[in-house]
Structure formats: structure tokens, C-alpha cells
């Protein structure tokens, strides 16, 4: 009986995270990332790795190279805006070098990035590649937020030594 209650408490906590002002900020940053992603994807597809517009015919190598470039620039854009705005109130994340935190951010986004690539590739033969990529981004956004809210920009845990010292006073 107790475990069912604990699960409900954790679910409510999870839903509070998702339906928060921070999630709206994250979504706003995400929209800027979509613009960067779609823009770079379009430029790379049309000018760097030309892709045929014949329905059903996809240049897989060109599509994946374009996706990689688009995802990199969108991830860089989103990291800096999330760091400066979405999680600005969690100042302890400034104590780590930004390059180290970017690595952590990229790892936490890794699952979303992999899923975006998979879903875009699955959908691209059936619908226009930009629309396929947009659907993939929307689908992975919630997971991306939760991983970053908990891990990359999570609240600092107090050190054990400072807790034990406080208890001795």
C-alpha cells in the first residue's frame, strides 16, 4: 500500500516539473533551437549535401550528415540559452567550467538526439524531411527537459562534511 502512495507522490512531483514556468522557458529555448536546427538542416541538405526531391528517394548519407550538423548547432544554442535563462536561478552550475557542463548537457541530450535521428529516418521516406524532423524534436522534448532539470542543472546537494559540522554546532 505504501509503495503505491510513493509512486503517486513521485508522479505528482514529475508532473509539477513538466507543468512549470521553467518548462515554458525550456520550451521557448527549444523553439529557438528548432529554428537553428531546421535552418542548418535546410542549408546543409540543399547546399552542402544535396538531396533528391523525388518522393521516396532519400540520400541517407547526406540526410544523416545534415542532421548531425543541425543537431550540433541546435544543441550549442540551447545549452547557452538554458544556462543563461532557464536555469539562471541555480547559480551553482556556474562553478563548473562551461565546457565540462556542455559535455554533461550533451550526454543528457544524447538519448533525445539518438531518438530524433531514429524517428527522422523512420518518417523521412513517408513525409517531407523537415516535417519528419520537427515531429521527432517535439516527441523527445519532455525527456530532454527532465534529464537536464535533474542532472545537468540540478540543485547542488549539500556536502556531507558541512551537514555533520552543522549538526555538531
N, C-alpha and C. Protein backbone atom coordinates (compact mmCIF):
# COMPACT_ATOMS: atom_id res chain seq x y z
N UNK A 1 0.82 -1.19 0.00
CA UNK A 1 0.00 0.00 0.00
C UNK A 1 0.87 1.26 0.00
N UNK A 2 1.92 1.25 0.79
CA UNK A 2 2.81 2.41 0.90
C UNK A 2 3.51 2.70 -0.42
N UNK A 3 3.90 1.66 -1.15
CA UNK A 3 4.62 1.87 -2.40
C UNK A 3 3.73 2.54 -3.45
N UNK A 4 2.44 2.24 -3.46
CA UNK A 4 1.51 2.91 -4.38
C UNK A 4 1.42 4.39 -4.08
N UNK A 5 1.44 4.74 -2.80
CA UNK A 5 1.42 6.15 -2.40
C UNK A 5 2.70 6.86 -2.83
N UNK A 6 3.84 6.18 -2.64
CA UNK A 6 5.13 6.75 -3.04
C UNK A 6 5.18 6.99 -4.55
N UNK A 7 4.63 6.08 -5.31
CA UNK A 7 4.61 6.23 -6.77
C UNK A 7 3.77 7.44 -7.16
N UNK A 8 2.62 7.62 -6.50
CA UNK A 8 1.76 8.78 -6.80
C UNK A 8 2.46 10.09 -6.45
N UNK A 9 3.17 10.11 -5.32
CA UNK A 9 3.91 11.32 -4.92
C UNK A 9 4.98 11.64 -5.96
N UNK A 10 5.71 10.63 -6.41
CA UNK A 10 6.75 10.84 -7.42
C UNK A 10 6.14 11.29 -8.75
N UNK A 11 4.99 10.74 -9.11
CA UNK A 11 4.31 11.13 -10.34
C UNK A 11 3.86 12.59 -10.27
N UNK A 12 3.30 12.99 -9.13
CA UNK A 12 2.87 14.38 -8.95
C UNK A 12 4.08 15.31 -9.04
N UNK A 13 5.19 14.92 -8.42
CA UNK A 13 6.41 15.72 -8.48
C UNK A 13 6.90 15.85 -9.92
N UNK A 14 6.86 14.77 -10.66
CA UNK A 14 7.27 14.77 -12.06
C UNK A 14 6.37 15.69 -12.89
N UNK A 15 5.07 15.61 -12.67
CA UNK A 15 4.13 16.46 -13.41
C UNK A 15 4.32 17.94 -13.05
N UNK A 16 4.66 18.24 -11.79
CA UNK A 16 4.93 19.62 -11.40
C UNK A 16 6.14 20.16 -12.13
N UNK A 17 7.15 19.32 -12.31
CA UNK A 17 8.34 19.74 -13.06
C UNK A 17 7.96 20.09 -14.49
N UNK A 18 7.14 19.22 -15.09
CA UNK A 18 6.79 19.40 -16.50
C UNK A 18 5.90 20.63 -16.70
N UNK A 19 4.92 20.82 -15.82
CA UNK A 19 4.00 21.94 -15.97
C UNK A 19 4.45 23.11 -15.09
N UNK A 20 5.62 23.65 -15.39
CA UNK A 20 6.19 24.74 -14.60
C UNK A 20 6.63 25.87 -15.52
N UNK A 21 6.93 27.02 -14.92
CA UNK A 21 7.45 28.16 -15.68
C UNK A 21 8.79 27.79 -16.31
N UNK A 22 9.58 26.99 -15.58
CA UNK A 22 10.87 26.58 -16.11
C UNK A 22 10.69 25.77 -17.41
N UNK A 23 9.68 24.92 -17.44
CA UNK A 23 9.42 24.15 -18.66
C UNK A 23 9.01 25.07 -19.80
N UNK A 24 8.26 26.13 -19.49
CA UNK A 24 7.90 27.10 -20.54
C UNK A 24 9.15 27.82 -21.07
N UNK A 25 10.07 28.16 -20.17
CA UNK A 25 11.33 28.76 -20.61
C UNK A 25 12.12 27.76 -21.47
N UNK A 26 12.17 26.53 -21.00
CA UNK A 26 12.85 25.47 -21.74
C UNK A 26 12.23 25.31 -23.13
N UNK A 27 10.92 25.38 -23.18
CA UNK A 27 10.22 25.29 -24.46
C UNK A 27 10.53 26.45 -25.38
N UNK A 28 10.63 27.65 -24.81
CA UNK A 28 10.98 28.83 -25.60
C UNK A 28 12.39 28.69 -26.17
N UNK A 29 13.32 28.24 -25.33
CA UNK A 29 14.68 27.99 -25.81
C UNK A 29 14.64 26.89 -26.88
N UNK A 30 13.81 25.89 -26.64
CA UNK A 30 13.67 24.80 -27.61
C UNK A 30 13.18 25.29 -28.96
N UNK A 31 12.27 26.25 -28.95
CA UNK A 31 11.78 26.82 -30.21
C UNK A 31 12.94 27.51 -30.96
N UNK A 32 13.77 28.23 -30.22
CA UNK A 32 14.93 28.85 -30.88
C UNK A 32 15.86 27.76 -31.42
N UNK A 33 15.96 26.65 -30.70
CA UNK A 33 16.76 25.53 -31.17
C UNK A 33 16.18 24.88 -32.42
N UNK A 34 14.85 24.83 -32.48
CA UNK A 34 14.20 24.28 -33.68
C UNK A 34 14.52 25.16 -34.88
N UNK A 35 14.48 26.48 -34.69
CA UNK A 35 14.80 27.40 -35.79
C UNK A 35 16.23 27.16 -36.26
N UNK A 36 17.16 27.06 -35.30
CA UNK A 36 18.56 26.80 -35.66
C UNK A 36 18.67 25.44 -36.34
N UNK A 37 18.05 24.42 -35.74
CA UNK A 37 18.12 23.06 -36.28
C UNK A 37 17.56 22.99 -37.70
N UNK A 38 16.37 23.52 -37.88
CA UNK A 38 15.73 23.44 -39.20
C UNK A 38 16.51 24.27 -40.23
N UNK A 39 17.01 25.44 -39.81
CA UNK A 39 17.78 26.28 -40.72
C UNK A 39 19.06 25.61 -41.18
N UNK A 40 19.81 25.06 -40.23
CA UNK A 40 21.05 24.38 -40.57
C UNK A 40 20.76 23.12 -41.39
N UNK A 41 19.71 22.39 -41.00
CA UNK A 41 19.34 21.19 -41.76
C UNK A 41 19.02 21.54 -43.20
N UNK A 42 18.23 22.58 -43.39
CA UNK A 42 17.86 23.00 -44.74
C UNK A 42 19.10 23.42 -45.54
N UNK A 43 19.93 24.28 -44.96
CA UNK A 43 21.13 24.74 -45.67
C UNK A 43 22.07 23.59 -46.00
N UNK A 44 22.25 22.68 -45.06
CA UNK A 44 23.13 21.54 -45.29
C UNK A 44 22.56 20.61 -46.36
N UNK A 45 21.26 20.37 -46.29
CA UNK A 45 20.62 19.48 -47.27
C UNK A 45 20.65 20.08 -48.68
N UNK A 46 20.33 21.35 -48.77
CA UNK A 46 20.18 21.98 -50.08
C UNK A 46 21.50 22.40 -50.71
N UNK A 47 22.49 22.77 -49.87
CA UNK A 47 23.72 23.33 -50.42
C UNK A 47 24.99 22.51 -50.15
N UNK A 48 25.05 21.80 -49.02
CA UNK A 48 26.24 21.01 -48.74
C UNK A 48 26.11 19.56 -49.23
N UNK A 49 25.00 18.94 -48.88
CA UNK A 49 24.78 17.52 -49.19
C UNK A 49 23.48 17.39 -49.97
N UNK A 50 23.46 17.84 -51.19
CA UNK A 50 22.24 17.91 -51.99
C UNK A 50 21.44 16.62 -51.93
N UNK A 51 20.15 16.77 -51.68
CA UNK A 51 19.25 15.62 -51.56
C UNK A 51 18.21 15.69 -52.66
N UNK A 52 17.94 14.57 -53.26
CA UNK A 52 16.92 14.49 -54.30
C UNK A 52 15.54 14.77 -53.71
N UNK A 53 14.70 15.48 -54.46
CA UNK A 53 13.34 15.76 -54.01
C UNK A 53 12.33 14.80 -54.64
N UNK A 54 12.81 13.70 -55.18
CA UNK A 54 11.92 12.69 -55.73
C UNK A 54 11.29 11.94 -54.55
N UNK A 55 9.95 11.89 -54.49
CA UNK A 55 9.29 11.21 -53.36
C UNK A 55 9.77 9.77 -53.24
N UNK A 56 10.09 9.38 -51.99
CA UNK A 56 10.53 8.02 -51.72
C UNK A 56 12.03 7.80 -51.91
N UNK A 57 12.71 8.77 -52.50
CA UNK A 57 14.15 8.64 -52.73
C UNK A 57 14.88 9.52 -51.72
N UNK A 58 15.68 8.88 -50.86
CA UNK A 58 16.37 9.61 -49.81
C UNK A 58 17.86 9.31 -49.89
N UNK A 59 18.69 10.36 -49.85
CA UNK A 59 20.14 10.22 -49.78
C UNK A 59 20.47 10.10 -48.29
N UNK A 60 20.60 8.85 -47.81
CA UNK A 60 20.75 8.61 -46.37
C UNK A 60 22.01 9.23 -45.81
N UNK A 61 23.11 9.14 -46.52
CA UNK A 61 24.36 9.72 -46.04
C UNK A 61 24.22 11.23 -45.90
N UNK A 62 23.70 11.88 -46.93
CA UNK A 62 23.51 13.33 -46.89
C UNK A 62 22.56 13.75 -45.79
N UNK A 63 21.47 13.01 -45.63
CA UNK A 63 20.50 13.33 -44.58
C UNK A 63 21.14 13.23 -43.20
N UNK A 64 21.90 12.17 -42.96
CA UNK A 64 22.49 11.99 -41.64
C UNK A 64 23.62 12.97 -41.36
N UNK A 65 24.41 13.32 -42.37
CA UNK A 65 25.43 14.36 -42.18
C UNK A 65 24.77 15.71 -41.88
N UNK A 66 23.71 16.01 -42.60
CA UNK A 66 22.97 17.26 -42.36
C UNK A 66 22.35 17.27 -40.97
N UNK A 67 21.78 16.14 -40.56
CA UNK A 67 21.18 16.04 -39.22
C UNK A 67 22.24 16.25 -38.14
N UNK A 68 23.40 15.64 -38.31
CA UNK A 68 24.47 15.79 -37.33
C UNK A 68 24.88 17.24 -37.15
N UNK A 69 25.04 17.93 -38.25
CA UNK A 69 25.41 19.35 -38.21
C UNK A 69 24.30 20.18 -37.56
N UNK A 70 23.07 19.92 -37.95
CA UNK A 70 21.93 20.66 -37.41
C UNK A 70 21.79 20.42 -35.90
N UNK A 71 21.94 19.18 -35.48
CA UNK A 71 21.80 18.85 -34.07
C UNK A 71 22.92 19.50 -33.25
N UNK A 72 24.14 19.51 -33.77
CA UNK A 72 25.25 20.12 -33.04
C UNK A 72 24.98 21.61 -32.79
N UNK A 73 24.62 22.35 -33.83
CA UNK A 73 24.41 23.79 -33.67
C UNK A 73 23.19 24.08 -32.80
N UNK A 74 22.15 23.29 -32.91
CA UNK A 74 20.97 23.49 -32.07
C UNK A 74 21.29 23.17 -30.61
N UNK A 75 22.09 22.14 -30.37
CA UNK A 75 22.47 21.78 -29.01
C UNK A 75 23.32 22.88 -28.37
N UNK A 76 24.25 23.42 -29.12
CA UNK A 76 25.08 24.52 -28.63
C UNK A 76 24.22 25.74 -28.29
N UNK A 77 23.32 26.11 -29.19
CA UNK A 77 22.39 27.21 -28.97
C UNK A 77 21.57 26.98 -27.71
N UNK A 78 20.97 25.81 -27.58
CA UNK A 78 20.09 25.52 -26.45
C UNK A 78 20.85 25.49 -25.13
N UNK A 79 22.06 24.94 -25.14
CA UNK A 79 22.84 24.88 -23.90
C UNK A 79 23.08 26.28 -23.34
N UNK A 80 23.57 27.18 -24.17
CA UNK A 80 23.88 28.51 -23.67
C UNK A 80 22.63 29.27 -23.22
N UNK A 81 21.53 29.17 -23.97
CA UNK A 81 20.31 29.88 -23.55
C UNK A 81 19.71 29.25 -22.29
N UNK A 82 19.75 27.92 -22.18
CA UNK A 82 19.23 27.28 -20.96
C UNK A 82 20.09 27.64 -19.75
N UNK A 83 21.38 27.69 -19.94
CA UNK A 83 22.30 28.02 -18.86
C UNK A 83 22.09 29.47 -18.40
N UNK A 84 21.91 30.38 -19.35
CA UNK A 84 21.79 31.81 -19.03
C UNK A 84 20.38 32.22 -18.59
N UNK A 85 19.36 31.46 -19.00
CA UNK A 85 18.00 31.92 -18.74
C UNK A 85 17.14 30.88 -18.00
N UNK A 86 17.00 29.68 -18.56
CA UNK A 86 16.09 28.70 -17.98
C UNK A 86 16.49 28.31 -16.56
N UNK A 87 17.77 28.03 -16.36
CA UNK A 87 18.25 27.61 -15.04
C UNK A 87 19.18 28.66 -14.43
N UNK A 88 18.95 29.92 -14.72
CA UNK A 88 19.80 31.00 -14.20
C UNK A 88 19.75 31.08 -12.67
N UNK A 89 18.64 30.64 -12.07
CA UNK A 89 18.50 30.72 -10.62
C UNK A 89 19.33 29.67 -9.89
N UNK A 90 19.83 28.70 -10.59
CA UNK A 90 20.66 27.67 -9.99
C UNK A 90 22.12 28.02 -10.23
N UNK A 91 22.58 29.00 -9.49
CA UNK A 91 23.90 29.59 -9.72
C UNK A 91 25.06 28.61 -9.51
N UNK A 92 24.84 27.52 -8.75
CA UNK A 92 25.93 26.60 -8.51
C UNK A 92 26.44 25.96 -9.79
N UNK A 93 25.63 25.97 -10.85
CA UNK A 93 26.12 25.37 -12.09
C UNK A 93 27.19 26.23 -12.75
N UNK A 94 27.36 27.47 -12.30
CA UNK A 94 28.43 28.30 -12.85
C UNK A 94 29.79 27.95 -12.24
N UNK A 95 29.79 27.17 -11.18
CA UNK A 95 31.04 26.78 -10.55
C UNK A 95 31.82 25.78 -11.41
N UNK A 96 31.12 25.04 -12.25
CA UNK A 96 31.79 24.11 -13.16
C UNK A 96 32.16 24.84 -14.44
N UNK A 97 33.30 24.49 -15.05
CA UNK A 97 33.65 25.11 -16.34
C UNK A 97 32.54 24.82 -17.37
N UNK A 98 32.25 25.81 -18.21
CA UNK A 98 31.15 25.65 -19.16
C UNK A 98 31.39 24.48 -20.10
N UNK A 99 32.65 24.21 -20.48
CA UNK A 99 32.93 23.10 -21.40
C UNK A 99 32.58 21.76 -20.75
N UNK A 100 32.88 21.62 -19.47
CA UNK A 100 32.53 20.40 -18.75
C UNK A 100 31.01 20.26 -18.66
N UNK A 101 30.34 21.35 -18.35
CA UNK A 101 28.89 21.30 -18.25
C UNK A 101 28.24 21.06 -19.62
N UNK A 102 28.84 21.62 -20.67
CA UNK A 102 28.33 21.35 -22.02
C UNK A 102 28.43 19.87 -22.34
N UNK A 103 29.53 19.24 -21.92
CA UNK A 103 29.66 17.80 -22.10
C UNK A 103 28.57 17.05 -21.36
N UNK A 104 28.28 17.47 -20.14
CA UNK A 104 27.21 16.85 -19.36
C UNK A 104 25.86 17.08 -20.03
N UNK A 105 25.64 18.30 -20.50
CA UNK A 105 24.40 18.64 -21.20
C UNK A 105 24.23 17.77 -22.45
N UNK A 106 25.32 17.63 -23.20
CA UNK A 106 25.27 16.84 -24.42
C UNK A 106 24.98 15.37 -24.11
N UNK A 107 25.58 14.84 -23.06
CA UNK A 107 25.30 13.46 -22.67
C UNK A 107 23.83 13.29 -22.27
N UNK A 108 23.32 14.27 -21.51
CA UNK A 108 21.92 14.16 -21.08
C UNK A 108 20.97 14.31 -22.26
N UNK A 109 21.40 15.02 -23.29
CA UNK A 109 20.59 15.15 -24.50
C UNK A 109 20.80 13.98 -25.47
N UNK A 110 21.80 13.16 -25.19
CA UNK A 110 22.17 12.07 -26.09
C UNK A 110 21.01 11.15 -26.43
N UNK A 111 20.23 10.81 -25.44
CA UNK A 111 19.08 9.93 -25.69
C UNK A 111 18.10 10.63 -26.64
N UNK A 112 17.84 11.90 -26.38
CA UNK A 112 16.92 12.65 -27.25
C UNK A 112 17.48 12.79 -28.66
N UNK A 113 18.78 13.03 -28.75
CA UNK A 113 19.41 13.17 -30.06
C UNK A 113 19.31 11.87 -30.84
N UNK A 114 19.62 10.75 -30.18
CA UNK A 114 19.54 9.45 -30.84
C UNK A 114 18.11 9.16 -31.30
N UNK A 115 17.15 9.45 -30.43
CA UNK A 115 15.75 9.22 -30.81
C UNK A 115 15.32 10.15 -31.94
N UNK A 116 15.81 11.39 -31.94
CA UNK A 116 15.48 12.31 -33.03
C UNK A 116 15.98 11.76 -34.36
N UNK A 117 17.19 11.25 -34.38
CA UNK A 117 17.75 10.68 -35.61
C UNK A 117 16.94 9.47 -36.06
N UNK A 118 16.62 8.58 -35.12
CA UNK A 118 15.86 7.38 -35.46
C UNK A 118 14.49 7.76 -36.03
N UNK A 119 13.77 8.62 -35.32
CA UNK A 119 12.42 8.98 -35.78
C UNK A 119 12.44 9.76 -37.08
N UNK A 120 13.40 10.65 -37.26
CA UNK A 120 13.50 11.38 -38.52
C UNK A 120 13.75 10.41 -39.67
N UNK A 121 14.66 9.47 -39.46
CA UNK A 121 14.94 8.48 -40.51
C UNK A 121 13.75 7.57 -40.80
N UNK A 122 12.99 7.24 -39.78
CA UNK A 122 11.81 6.40 -39.99
C UNK A 122 10.70 7.15 -40.74
N UNK A 123 10.57 8.44 -40.46
CA UNK A 123 9.49 9.22 -41.07
C UNK A 123 9.85 9.83 -42.42
N UNK A 124 11.14 10.11 -42.67
CA UNK A 124 11.56 10.82 -43.88
C UNK A 124 11.13 10.17 -45.20
N UNK A 125 11.10 8.86 -45.31
CA UNK A 125 10.63 8.28 -46.58
C UNK A 125 9.14 8.51 -46.84
N UNK A 126 8.41 8.88 -45.79
CA UNK A 126 6.95 8.99 -45.90
C UNK A 126 6.45 10.43 -45.93
N UNK A 127 7.20 11.34 -45.28
CA UNK A 127 6.81 12.74 -45.26
C UNK A 127 8.06 13.60 -45.48
N UNK A 128 7.87 14.85 -45.82
CA UNK A 128 8.96 15.79 -46.07
C UNK A 128 9.93 15.77 -44.89
N UNK A 129 11.24 15.74 -45.15
CA UNK A 129 12.23 15.55 -44.10
C UNK A 129 12.18 16.61 -43.00
N UNK A 130 11.85 17.87 -43.32
CA UNK A 130 11.76 18.90 -42.29
C UNK A 130 10.58 18.64 -41.34
N UNK A 131 9.49 18.17 -41.88
CA UNK A 131 8.32 17.83 -41.05
C UNK A 131 8.64 16.61 -40.19
N UNK A 132 9.31 15.62 -40.77
CA UNK A 132 9.72 14.43 -40.02
C UNK A 132 10.61 14.82 -38.85
N UNK A 133 11.56 15.70 -39.10
CA UNK A 133 12.48 16.15 -38.06
C UNK A 133 11.74 16.94 -36.98
N UNK A 134 10.78 17.77 -37.38
CA UNK A 134 10.01 18.55 -36.41
C UNK A 134 9.25 17.63 -35.46
N UNK A 135 8.58 16.61 -35.98
CA UNK A 135 7.85 15.66 -35.14
C UNK A 135 8.79 14.94 -34.18
N UNK A 136 9.96 14.59 -34.66
CA UNK A 136 10.94 13.91 -33.81
C UNK A 136 11.40 14.82 -32.66
N UNK A 137 11.58 16.10 -32.94
CA UNK A 137 12.00 17.05 -31.91
C UNK A 137 10.92 17.19 -30.84
N UNK A 138 9.68 17.35 -31.25
CA UNK A 138 8.58 17.52 -30.30
C UNK A 138 8.47 16.29 -29.40
N UNK A 139 8.60 15.12 -29.97
CA UNK A 139 8.46 13.87 -29.22
C UNK A 139 9.51 13.73 -28.13
N UNK A 140 10.72 14.18 -28.40
CA UNK A 140 11.82 13.98 -27.45
C UNK A 140 12.02 15.14 -26.46
N UNK A 141 11.27 16.19 -26.59
CA UNK A 141 11.48 17.38 -25.75
C UNK A 141 11.24 17.17 -24.27
N UNK A 142 10.21 16.46 -23.89
CA UNK A 142 9.91 16.27 -22.47
C UNK A 142 11.02 15.46 -21.79
N UNK A 143 11.46 14.40 -22.42
CA UNK A 143 12.55 13.60 -21.87
C UNK A 143 13.80 14.45 -21.71
N UNK A 144 14.10 15.25 -22.70
CA UNK A 144 15.26 16.13 -22.67
C UNK A 144 15.18 17.10 -21.48
N UNK A 145 14.02 17.71 -21.26
CA UNK A 145 13.84 18.63 -20.14
C UNK A 145 14.10 17.95 -18.81
N UNK A 146 13.49 16.79 -18.61
CA UNK A 146 13.63 16.11 -17.33
C UNK A 146 15.08 15.73 -17.03
N UNK A 147 15.78 15.22 -18.02
CA UNK A 147 17.18 14.85 -17.82
C UNK A 147 18.03 16.07 -17.45
N UNK A 148 17.79 17.18 -18.12
CA UNK A 148 18.57 18.38 -17.83
C UNK A 148 18.17 19.03 -16.51
N UNK A 149 16.92 19.00 -16.17
CA UNK A 149 16.46 19.60 -14.92
C UNK A 149 17.00 18.82 -13.72
N UNK A 150 17.07 17.52 -13.85
CA UNK A 150 17.52 16.68 -12.74
C UNK A 150 19.05 16.59 -12.68
N UNK A 151 19.71 16.43 -13.83
CA UNK A 151 21.14 16.13 -13.82
C UNK A 151 22.02 17.33 -14.16
N UNK A 152 21.87 17.88 -15.36
CA UNK A 152 22.78 18.93 -15.79
C UNK A 152 22.67 20.19 -14.94
N UNK A 153 21.45 20.65 -14.70
CA UNK A 153 21.24 21.88 -13.94
C UNK A 153 20.57 21.62 -12.60
N UNK A 154 20.69 20.38 -12.11
CA UNK A 154 20.07 20.01 -10.83
C UNK A 154 20.61 20.82 -9.68
N UNK A 155 19.84 20.87 -8.63
CA UNK A 155 20.28 21.60 -7.43
C UNK A 155 21.47 20.89 -6.81
N UNK A 156 22.41 21.66 -6.30
CA UNK A 156 23.58 21.09 -5.66
C UNK A 156 23.17 20.43 -4.35
N UNK A 157 23.72 19.27 -4.11
CA UNK A 157 23.46 18.56 -2.86
C UNK A 157 24.48 19.07 -1.83
N UNK A 158 24.02 19.31 -0.60
CA UNK A 158 24.97 19.78 0.41
C UNK A 158 26.03 18.70 0.68
N UNK A 159 27.24 19.12 0.93
CA UNK A 159 28.31 18.17 1.22
C UNK A 159 28.07 17.52 2.58
N UNK A 160 28.46 16.26 2.71
CA UNK A 160 28.27 15.54 3.97
C UNK A 160 29.05 16.20 5.10
N UNK A 161 30.23 16.69 4.82
CA UNK A 161 31.04 17.30 5.88
C UNK A 161 30.37 18.55 6.45
N UNK A 162 29.71 19.34 5.58
CA UNK A 162 29.03 20.54 6.09
C UNK A 162 27.76 20.18 6.86
N UNK A 163 27.13 19.06 6.50
CA UNK A 163 25.94 18.61 7.24
C UNK A 163 26.35 18.15 8.62
N UNK A 164 27.42 17.34 8.71
CA UNK A 164 27.85 16.83 10.01
C UNK A 164 28.37 17.96 10.88
N UNK A 165 29.03 18.95 10.31
CA UNK A 165 29.50 20.10 11.09
C UNK A 165 28.33 20.90 11.64
N UNK A 166 27.27 21.06 10.82
CA UNK A 166 26.10 21.82 11.26
C UNK A 166 25.42 21.10 12.40
N UNK A 167 25.43 19.78 12.39
CA UNK A 167 24.79 19.00 13.47
C UNK A 167 25.59 19.07 14.75
N UNK A 168 26.89 19.35 14.71
CA UNK A 168 27.74 19.41 15.90
C UNK A 168 27.64 20.76 16.59
N UNK A 169 27.20 21.79 15.90
CA UNK A 169 27.14 23.14 16.48
C UNK A 169 26.06 23.28 17.51
